[in-house]
Structures are given as structure tokens and as C-alpha cells.
């Protein structure tokens, strides 16, 4: 996953993702000057950080992160089964 893809997923700017990567605030894979992200590493990191779900303010119980909230970052076996029998 590249910077632009992660920025879109997290709803932040590319510059923010790049800054977080340089500051080692999120797990990165560096190939020369290129920053890449492993979806499984990010999912583990988000879970360990208790990353808040992008839901509207309200009942605090609704702010628990679920595997489905992480979309394509979630391991395949935890992804939503929408469209599947």
C-alpha cells in the first residue's frame, strides 16, 4: 500500500501520512526513499493503538474499532461478508 492509498483510507493528507512515517508514528516499509505500508502490519498497529473508528460523536460504546471498520486493512478472514452467501 502506498502513501496516497493509506491517506485516502485514513481520510488524511498524503503529507500527514508521510510525516507520520518519517516520525515512526506508524509502521512503514522503506525501499530507498519510498515509503510503503503492509496492510497486516497496519491492522495490528491500529488494534494495538485502540485507533478510533471514523464514526460520528455519540455513545462511547459505538467508538470501538471492529475488523469491518478497517476494510481492506483487515485480514481476509475478518472482512465483511457483504455480497457473499
PDB file of N, CA and C in Angstrom:
ATOM      1  N   UNK A   1       0.858  -1.161   0.000  1.00  0.00           N
ATOM      2  CA  UNK A   1       0.000   0.000   0.000  1.00  0.00           C
ATOM      3  C   UNK A   1       0.907   1.228   0.000  1.00  0.00           C
ATOM      4  N   UNK A   2       0.551   2.227  -0.816  1.00  0.00           N
ATOM      5  CA  UNK A   2       1.391   3.419  -0.868  1.00  0.00           C
ATOM      6  C   UNK A   2       0.800   4.545  -0.022  1.00  0.00           C
ATOM      7  N   UNK A   3       1.499   5.671   0.018  1.00  0.00           N
ATOM      8  CA  UNK A   3       1.105   6.821   0.845  1.00  0.00           C
ATOM      9  C   UNK A   3      -0.293   7.313   0.475  1.00  0.00           C
ATOM     10  N   UNK A   4      -0.550   7.490  -0.816  1.00  0.00           N
ATOM     11  CA  UNK A   4      -1.846   8.020  -1.256  1.00  0.00           C
ATOM     12  C   UNK A   4      -2.992   7.090  -0.870  1.00  0.00           C
ATOM     13  N   UNK A   5      -2.786   5.791  -1.017  1.00  0.00           N
ATOM     14  CA  UNK A   5      -3.832   4.822  -0.666  1.00  0.00           C
ATOM     15  C   UNK A   5      -4.143   4.860   0.827  1.00  0.00           C
ATOM     16  N   UNK A   6      -3.098   4.916   1.651  1.00  0.00           N
ATOM     17  CA  UNK A   6      -3.314   4.959   3.104  1.00  0.00           C
ATOM     18  C   UNK A   6      -3.946   6.286   3.521  1.00  0.00           C
ATOM     19  N   UNK A   7      -3.508   7.375   2.916  1.00  0.00           N
ATOM     20  CA  UNK A   7      -4.077   8.691   3.239  1.00  0.00           C
ATOM     21  C   UNK A   7      -5.574   8.708   2.942  1.00  0.00           C
ATOM     22  N   UNK A   8      -5.965   8.159   1.816  1.00  0.00           N
ATOM     23  CA  UNK A   8      -7.380   8.107   1.448  1.00  0.00           C
ATOM     24  C   UNK A   8      -8.156   7.259   2.442  1.00  0.00           C
ATOM     25  N   UNK A   9      -7.595   6.128   2.812  1.00  0.00           N
ATOM     26  CA  UNK A   9      -8.254   5.219   3.752  1.00  0.00           C
ATOM     27  C   UNK A   9      -8.435   5.859   5.125  1.00  0.00           C
ATOM     28  N   UNK A  10      -7.417   6.598   5.589  1.00  0.00           N
ATOM     29  CA  UNK A  10      -7.475   7.230   6.907  1.00  0.00           C
ATOM     30  C   UNK A  10      -8.106   8.622   6.874  1.00  0.00           C
ATOM     31  N   UNK A  11      -8.403   9.098   5.667  1.00  0.00           N
ATOM     32  CA  UNK A  11      -9.017  10.419   5.487  1.00  0.00           C
ATOM     33  C   UNK A  11      -8.128  11.540   6.023  1.00  0.00           C
ATOM     34  N   UNK A  12      -6.849  11.456   5.669  1.00  0.00           N
ATOM     35  CA  UNK A  12      -5.869  12.492   6.000  1.00  0.00           C
ATOM     36  C   UNK A  12      -5.096  12.800   4.721  1.00  0.00           C
ATOM     37  N   UNK A  13      -4.266  13.834   4.759  1.00  0.00           N
ATOM     38  CA  UNK A  13      -3.493  14.198   3.567  1.00  0.00           C
ATOM     39  C   UNK A  13      -2.289  13.269   3.393  1.00  0.00           C
ATOM     40  N   UNK A  14      -1.784  13.247   2.166  1.00  0.00           N
ATOM     41  CA  UNK A  14      -0.560  12.482   1.889  1.00  0.00           C
ATOM     42  C   UNK A  14       0.578  12.975   2.772  1.00  0.00           C
ATOM     43  N   UNK A  15       0.657  14.296   2.940  1.00  0.00           N
ATOM     44  CA  UNK A  15       1.728  14.881   3.760  1.00  0.00           C
ATOM     45  C   UNK A  15       1.653  14.382   5.202  1.00  0.00           C
ATOM     46  N   UNK A  16       0.451  14.215   5.721  1.00  0.00           N
ATOM     47  CA  UNK A  16       0.296  13.723   7.095  1.00  0.00           C
ATOM     48  C   UNK A  16       0.816  12.301   7.201  1.00  0.00           C
ATOM     49  N   UNK A  17       0.458  11.451   6.250  1.00  0.00           N
ATOM     50  CA  UNK A  17       0.938  10.060   6.268  1.00  0.00           C
ATOM     51  C   UNK A  17       2.454  10.028   6.147  1.00  0.00           C
ATOM     52  N   UNK A  18       3.014  10.856   5.260  1.00  0.00           N
ATOM     53  CA  UNK A  18       4.471  10.903   5.109  1.00  0.00           C
ATOM     54  C   UNK A  18       5.133  11.355   6.414  1.00  0.00           C
ATOM     55  N   UNK A  19       4.568  12.370   7.055  1.00  0.00           N
ATOM     56  CA  UNK A  19       5.126  12.864   8.319  1.00  0.00           C
ATOM     57  C   UNK A  19       5.063  11.778   9.392  1.00  0.00           C
ATOM     58  N   UNK A  20       3.919  11.097   9.506  1.00  0.00           N
ATOM     59  CA  UNK A  20       3.789  10.015  10.490  1.00  0.00           C
ATOM     60  C   UNK A  20       4.826   8.927  10.224  1.00  0.00           C
ATOM     61  N   UNK A  21       5.061   8.621   8.944  1.00  0.00           N
ATOM     62  CA  UNK A  21       6.058   7.614   8.593  1.00  0.00           C
ATOM     63  C   UNK A  21       7.460   8.044   8.972  1.00  0.00           C
ATOM     64  N   UNK A  22       7.816   9.306   8.638  1.00  0.00           N
ATOM     65  CA  UNK A  22       9.152   9.821   8.992  1.00  0.00           C
ATOM     66  C   UNK A  22       9.368   9.847  10.495  1.00  0.00           C
ATOM     67  N   UNK A  23       8.309  10.186  11.246  1.00  0.00           N
ATOM     68  CA  UNK A  23       8.404  10.261  12.707  1.00  0.00           C
ATOM     69  C   UNK A  23       8.234   8.889  13.367  1.00  0.00           C
ATOM     70  N   UNK A  24       8.042   7.861  12.535  1.00  0.00           N
ATOM     71  CA  UNK A  24       7.859   6.484  13.007  1.00  0.00           C
ATOM     72  C   UNK A  24       6.643   6.348  13.935  1.00  0.00           C
ATOM     73  N   UNK A  25       5.602   7.118  13.629  1.00  0.00           N
ATOM     74  CA  UNK A  25       4.364   7.030  14.394  1.00  0.00           C
ATOM     75  C   UNK A  25       3.466   5.912  13.877  1.00  0.00           C
ATOM     76  N   UNK A  26       3.720   5.469  12.648  1.00  0.00           N
ATOM     77  CA  UNK A  26       3.012   4.341  12.064  1.00  0.00           C
ATOM     78  C   UNK A  26       4.052   3.401  11.458  1.00  0.00           C
ATOM     79  N   UNK A  27       3.737   2.103  11.402  1.00  0.00           N
ATOM     80  CA  UNK A  27       4.717   1.159  10.848  1.00  0.00           C
ATOM     81  C   UNK A  27       4.873   1.338   9.340  1.00  0.00           C
ATOM     82  N   UNK A  28       6.094   1.404   8.898  1.00  0.00           N
ATOM     83  CA  UNK A  28       6.386   1.609   7.476  1.00  0.00           C
ATOM     84  C   UNK A  28       7.374   0.565   6.977  1.00  0.00           C
ATOM     85  N   UNK A  29       7.391   0.440   5.674  1.00  0.00           N
ATOM     86  CA  UNK A  29       8.410  -0.351   4.986  1.00  0.00           C
ATOM     87  C   UNK A  29       9.084   0.631   4.041  1.00  0.00           C
ATOM     88  N   UNK A  30      10.372   0.795   4.185  1.00  0.00           N
ATOM     89  CA  UNK A  30      11.099   1.742   3.340  1.00  0.00           C
ATOM     90  C   UNK A  30      11.904   0.990   2.288  1.00  0.00           C
ATOM     91  N   UNK A  31      11.772   1.465   1.066  1.00  0.00           N
ATOM     92  CA  UNK A  31      12.554   0.947  -0.046  1.00  0.00           C
ATOM     93  C   UNK A  31      13.218   2.159  -0.668  1.00  0.00           C
ATOM     94  N   UNK A  32      14.461   2.398  -0.274  1.00  0.00           N
ATOM     95  CA  UNK A  32      15.134   3.622  -0.697  1.00  0.00           C
ATOM     96  C   UNK A  32      14.423   4.819  -0.084  1.00  0.00           C
ATOM     97  N   UNK A  33      13.973   5.736  -0.921  1.00  0.00           N
ATOM     98  CA  UNK A  33      13.240   6.911  -0.446  1.00  0.00           C
ATOM     99  C   UNK A  33      11.728   6.698  -0.480  1.00  0.00           C
ATOM    100  N   UNK A  34      11.301   5.512  -0.863  1.00  0.00           N
ATOM    101  CA  UNK A  34       9.876   5.226  -0.988  1.00  0.00           C
ATOM    102  C   UNK A  34       9.333   4.630   0.302  1.00  0.00           C
ATOM    103  N   UNK A  35       8.175   5.131   0.729  1.00  0.00           N
ATOM    104  CA  UNK A  35       7.510   4.611   1.923  1.00  0.00           C
ATOM    105  C   UNK A  35       6.350   3.740   1.469  1.00  0.00           C
ATOM    106  N   UNK A  36       6.291   2.534   1.991  1.00  0.00           N
ATOM    107  CA  UNK A  36       5.192   1.612   1.716  1.00  0.00           C
ATOM    108  C   UNK A  36       4.631   1.124   3.040  1.00  0.00           C
ATOM    109  N   UNK A  37       3.425   0.578   2.975  1.00  0.00           N
ATOM    110  CA  UNK A  37       2.747   0.107   4.180  1.00  0.00           C
ATOM    111  C   UNK A  37       2.187  -1.281   3.936  1.00  0.00           C
ATOM    112  N   UNK A  38       2.393  -2.168   4.902  1.00  0.00           N
ATOM    113  CA  UNK A  38       1.849  -3.514   4.848  1.00  0.00           C
ATOM    114  C   UNK A  38       0.494  -3.489   5.553  1.00  0.00           C
ATOM    115  N   UNK A  39      -0.591  -3.831   4.864  1.00  0.00           N
ATOM    116  CA  UNK A  39      -1.916  -3.778   5.477  1.00  0.00           C
ATOM    117  C   UNK A  39      -2.044  -4.577   6.775  1.00  0.00           C
ATOM    118  N   UNK A  40      -1.419  -5.745   6.847  1.00  0.00           N
ATOM    119  CA  UNK A  40      -1.497  -6.553   8.073  1.00  0.00           C
ATOM    120  C   UNK A  40      -0.754  -5.881   9.229  1.00  0.00           C
ATOM    121  N   UNK A  41       0.398  -5.287   8.936  1.00  0.00           N
ATOM    122  CA  UNK A  41       1.135  -4.559   9.979  1.00  0.00           C
ATOM    123  C   UNK A  41       0.320  -3.372  10.469  1.00  0.00           C
ATOM    124  N   UNK A  42      -0.321  -2.662   9.543  1.00  0.00           N
ATOM    125  CA  UNK A  42      -1.155  -1.521   9.921  1.00  0.00           C
ATOM    126  C   UNK A  42      -2.360  -1.953  10.754  1.00  0.00           C
ATOM    127  N   UNK A  43      -2.977  -3.072  10.376  1.00  0.00           N
ATOM    128  CA  UNK A  43      -4.127  -3.574  11.137  1.00  0.00           C
ATOM    129  C   UNK A  43      -3.708  -3.912  12.568  1.00  0.00           C
ATOM    130  N   UNK A  44      -2.564  -4.578  12.717  1.00  0.00           N
ATOM    131  CA  UNK A  44      -2.051  -4.904  14.057  1.00  0.00           C
ATOM    132  C   UNK A  44      -1.753  -3.628  14.836  1.00  0.00           C
ATOM    133  N   UNK A  45      -1.141  -2.657  14.174  1.00  0.00           N
ATOM    134  CA  UNK A  45      -0.809  -1.390  14.826  1.00  0.00           C
ATOM    135  C   UNK A  45      -2.074  -0.664  15.264  1.00  0.00           C
ATOM    136  N   UNK A  46      -3.074  -0.604  14.369  1.00  0.00           N
ATOM    137  CA  UNK A  46      -4.325   0.086  14.704  1.00  0.00           C
ATOM    138  C   UNK A  46      -5.000  -0.571  15.905  1.00  0.00           C
ATOM    139  N   UNK A  47      -4.978  -1.881  15.929  1.00  0.00           N
ATOM    140  CA  UNK A  47      -5.583  -2.593  17.055  1.00  0.00           C
ATOM    141  C   UNK A  47      -4.828  -2.296  18.351  1.00  0.00           C
ATOM    142  N   UNK A  48      -3.517  -2.262  18.292  1.00  0.00           N
ATOM    143  CA  UNK A  48      -2.715  -2.012  19.498  1.00  0.00           C
ATOM    144  C   UNK A  48      -2.836  -0.565  19.982  1.00  0.00           C
ATOM    145  N   UNK A  49      -3.173   0.341  19.074  1.00  0.00           N
ATOM    146  CA  UNK A  49      -3.313   1.748  19.424  1.00  0.00           C
ATOM    147  C   UNK A  49      -4.728   2.110  19.837  1.00  0.00           C
ATOM    148  N   UNK A  50      -5.647   1.164  19.765  1.00  0.00           N
ATOM    149  CA  UNK A  50      -7.065   1.427  20.010  1.00  0.00           C
ATOM    150  C   UNK A  50      -7.505   2.590  19.130  1.00  0.00           C
ATOM    151  N   UNK A  51      -7.123   2.513  17.867  1.00  0.00           N
ATOM    152  CA  UNK A  51      -7.422   3.547  16.877  1.00  0.00           C
ATOM    153  C   UNK A  51      -8.925   3.783  16.818  1.00  0.00           C
ATOM    154  N   UNK A  52      -9.377   5.029  16.977  1.00  0.00           N
ATOM    155  CA  UNK A  52     -10.821   5.283  16.986  1.00  0.00           C
ATOM    156  C   UNK A  52     -11.460   5.066  15.619  1.00  0.00           C
ATOM    157  N   UNK A  53     -12.669   4.600  15.656  1.00  0.00           N
ATOM    158  CA  UNK A  53     -13.426   4.389  14.439  1.00  0.00           C
ATOM    159  C   UNK A  53     -13.891   5.735  13.882  1.00  0.00           C
ATOM    160  N   UNK A  54     -14.020   5.856  12.564  1.00  0.00           N
ATOM    161  CA  UNK A  54     -14.442   7.135  11.987  1.00  0.00           C
ATOM    162  C   UNK A  54     -15.953   7.346  12.074  1.00  0.00           C
ATOM    163  N   UNK A  55     -16.521   7.139  13.232  1.00  0.00           N
ATOM    164  CA  UNK A  55     -17.959   7.320  13.437  1.00  0.00           C
ATOM    165  C   UNK A  55     -18.225   8.681  14.047  1.00  0.00           C
ATOM    166  N   UNK A  56     -19.437   9.133  13.902  1.00  0.00           N
ATOM    167  CA  UNK A  56     -19.838  10.426  14.462  1.00  0.00           C
ATOM    168  C   UNK A  56     -19.831  10.358  15.983  1.00  0.00           C
ATOM    169  N   UNK A  57     -19.623  11.509  16.654  1.00  0.00           N
ATOM    170  CA  UNK A  57     -19.668  11.531  18.118  1.00  0.00           C
ATOM    171  C   UNK A  57     -21.016  11.024  18.624  1.00  0.00           C
ATOM    172  N   UNK A  58     -20.994  10.451  19.782  1.00  0.00           N
ATOM    173  CA  UNK A  58     -22.219   9.913  20.362  1.00  0.00           C
ATOM    174  C   UNK A  58     -21.877   8.976  21.498  1.00  0.00           C
ATOM    175  N   UNK A  59     -22.561   7.877  21.544  1.00  0.00           N
ATOM    176  CA  UNK A  59     -22.349   6.870  22.580  1.00  0.00           C
ATOM    177  C   UNK A  59     -20.918   6.340  22.485  1.00  0.00           C
ATOM    178  N   UNK A  60     -20.136   6.442  23.571  1.00  0.00           N
ATOM    179  CA  UNK A  60     -18.745   5.958  23.528  1.00  0.00           C
ATOM    180  C   UNK A  60     -18.633   4.488  23.153  1.00  0.00           C
ATOM    181  N   UNK A  61     -19.660   3.693  23.455  1.00  0.00           N
ATOM    182  CA  UNK A  61     -19.617   2.273  23.081  1.00  0.00           C
ATOM    183  C   UNK A  61     -19.613   2.087  21.569  1.00  0.00           C
ATOM    184  N   UNK A  62     -20.067   3.089  20.836  1.00  0.00           N
ATOM    185  CA  UNK A  62     -20.084   2.996  19.380  1.00  0.00           C
ATOM    186  C   UNK A  62     -18.717   3.303  18.774  1.00  0.00           C
ATOM    187  N   UNK A  63     -17.748   3.676  19.588  1.00  0.00           N
ATOM    188  CA  UNK A  63     -16.433   4.041  19.075  1.00  0.00           C
ATOM    189  C   UNK A  63     -15.424   2.908  19.146  1.00  0.00           C
ATOM    190  N   UNK A  64     -15.896   1.705  19.440  1.00  0.00           N
ATOM    191  CA  UNK A  64     -14.990   0.567  19.425  1.00  0.00           C
ATOM    192  C   UNK A  64     -14.661   0.222  17.982  1.00  0.00           C
ATOM    193  N   UNK A  65     -13.398  -0.069  17.731  1.00  0.00           N
ATOM    194  CA  UNK A  65     -12.955  -0.421  16.387  1.00  0.00           C
ATOM    195  C   UNK A  65     -13.268  -1.889  16.142  1.00  0.00           C
ATOM    196  N   UNK A  66     -13.806  -2.197  14.995  1.00  0.00           N
ATOM    197  CA  UNK A  66     -14.040  -3.593  14.631  1.00  0.00           C
ATOM    198  C   UNK A  66     -13.238  -3.897  13.373  1.00  0.00           C
ATOM    199  N   UNK A  67     -13.057  -5.163  13.100  1.00  0.00           N
ATOM    200  CA  UNK A  67     -12.316  -5.553  11.905  1.00  0.00           C
ATOM    201  C   UNK A  67     -12.996  -5.002  10.660  1.00  0.00           C
ATOM    202  N   UNK A  68     -14.328  -4.974  10.639  1.00  0.00           N
ATOM    203  CA  UNK A  68     -15.047  -4.481   9.477  1.00  0.00           C
ATOM    204  C   UNK A  68     -14.769  -2.990   9.250  1.00  0.00           C
ATOM    205  N   UNK A  69     -14.535  -2.233  10.321  1.00  0.00           N
ATOM    206  CA  UNK A  69     -14.232  -0.805  10.188  1.00  0.00           C
ATOM    207  C   UNK A  69     -12.914  -0.583   9.448  1.00  0.00           C
ATOM    208  N   UNK A  70     -12.033  -1.558   9.494  1.00  0.00           N
ATOM    209  CA  UNK A  70     -10.713  -1.393   8.898  1.00  0.00           C
ATOM    210  C   UNK A  70     -10.697  -1.755   7.421  1.00  0.00           C
ATOM    211  N   UNK A  71     -11.825  -2.229   6.888  1.00  0.00           N
ATOM    212  CA  UNK A  71     -11.934  -2.508   5.462  1.00  0.00           C
ATOM    213  C   UNK A  71     -10.800  -3.364   4.943  1.00  0.00           C
ATOM    214  N   UNK A  72     -10.099  -2.856   3.928  1.00  0.00           N
ATOM    215  CA  UNK A  72      -9.054  -3.651   3.281  1.00  0.00           C
ATOM    216  C   UNK A  72      -7.809  -3.856   4.143  1.00  0.00           C
ATOM    217  N   UNK A  73      -7.709  -3.144   5.272  1.00  0.00           N
ATOM    218  CA  UNK A  73      -6.578  -3.369   6.175  1.00  0.00           C
ATOM    219  C   UNK A  73      -6.766  -4.631   6.997  1.00  0.00           C
ATOM    220  N   UNK A  74      -8.015  -5.059   7.166  1.00  0.00           N
ATOM    221  CA  UNK A  74      -8.306  -6.242   7.977  1.00  0.00           C
ATOM    222  C   UNK A  74      -7.864  -7.496   7.242  1.00  0.00           C
ATOM    223  N   UNK A  75      -7.364  -8.483   7.993  1.00  0.00           N
ATOM    224  CA  UNK A  75      -7.045  -9.761   7.351  1.00  0.00           C
ATOM    225  C   UNK A  75      -8.290 -10.309   6.657  1.00  0.00           C
ATOM    226  N   UNK A  76      -8.118 -11.017   5.572  1.00  0.00           N
ATOM    227  CA  UNK A  76      -9.219 -11.505   4.746  1.00  0.00           C
ATOM    228  C   UNK A  76     -10.308 -12.205   5.557  1.00  0.00           C
ATOM    229  N   UNK A  77      -9.922 -13.027   6.520  1.00  0.00           N
ATOM    230  CA  UNK A  77     -10.917 -13.798   7.269  1.00  0.00           C
ATOM    231  C   UNK A  77     -11.806 -12.931   8.174  1.00  0.00           C
ATOM    232  N   UNK A  78     -11.413 -11.671   8.420  1.00  0.00           N
ATOM    233  CA  UNK A  78     -12.197 -10.794   9.270  1.00  0.00           C
ATOM    234  C   UNK A  78     -12.986  -9.745   8.490  1.00  0.00           C
ATOM    235  N   UNK A  79     -12.847  -9.744   7.175  1.00  0.00           N
ATOM    236  CA  UNK A  79     -13.548  -8.746   6.371  1.00  0.00           C
ATOM    237  C   UNK A  79     -15.033  -9.068   6.303  1.00  0.00           C
ATOM    238  N   UNK A  80     -15.825  -8.050   6.104  1.00  0.00           N
ATOM    239  CA  UNK A  80     -17.282  -8.188   5.991  1.00  0.00           C
ATOM    240  C   UNK A  80     -17.619  -9.158   4.867  1.00  0.00           C
ATOM    241  N   UNK A  81     -18.670  -9.910   5.055  1.00  0.00           N
ATOM    242  CA  UNK A  81     -19.069 -10.889   4.035  1.00  0.00           C
ATOM    243  C   UNK A  81     -20.155 -10.337   3.121  1.00  0.00           C
ATOM    244  N   UNK A  82     -20.223  -8.992   2.978  1.00  0.00           N
ATOM    245  CA  UNK A  82     -21.216  -8.387   2.080  1.00  0.00           C
ATOM    246  C   UNK A  82     -21.092  -8.981   0.690  1.00  0.00           C
ATOM    247  N   UNK A  83     -22.241  -9.303   0.134  1.00  0.00           N
ATOM    248  CA  UNK A  83     -22.245  -9.831  -1.217  1.00  0.00           C
ATOM    249  C   UNK A  83     -21.908 -11.300  -1.298  1.00  0.00           C
ATOM    250  N   UNK A  84     -21.616 -11.922  -0.180  1.00  0.00           N
ATOM    251  CA  UNK A  84     -21.320 -13.353  -0.166  1.00  0.00           C
ATOM    252  C   UNK A  84     -22.507 -14.087   0.434  1.00  0.00           C
ATOM    253  N   UNK A  85     -22.780 -15.310  -0.024  1.00  0.00           N
ATOM    254  CA  UNK A  85     -23.926 -16.069   0.522  1.00  0.00           C
ATOM    255  C   UNK A  85     -23.749 -16.419   1.981  1.00  0.00           C
TER     256      UNK A  85
END
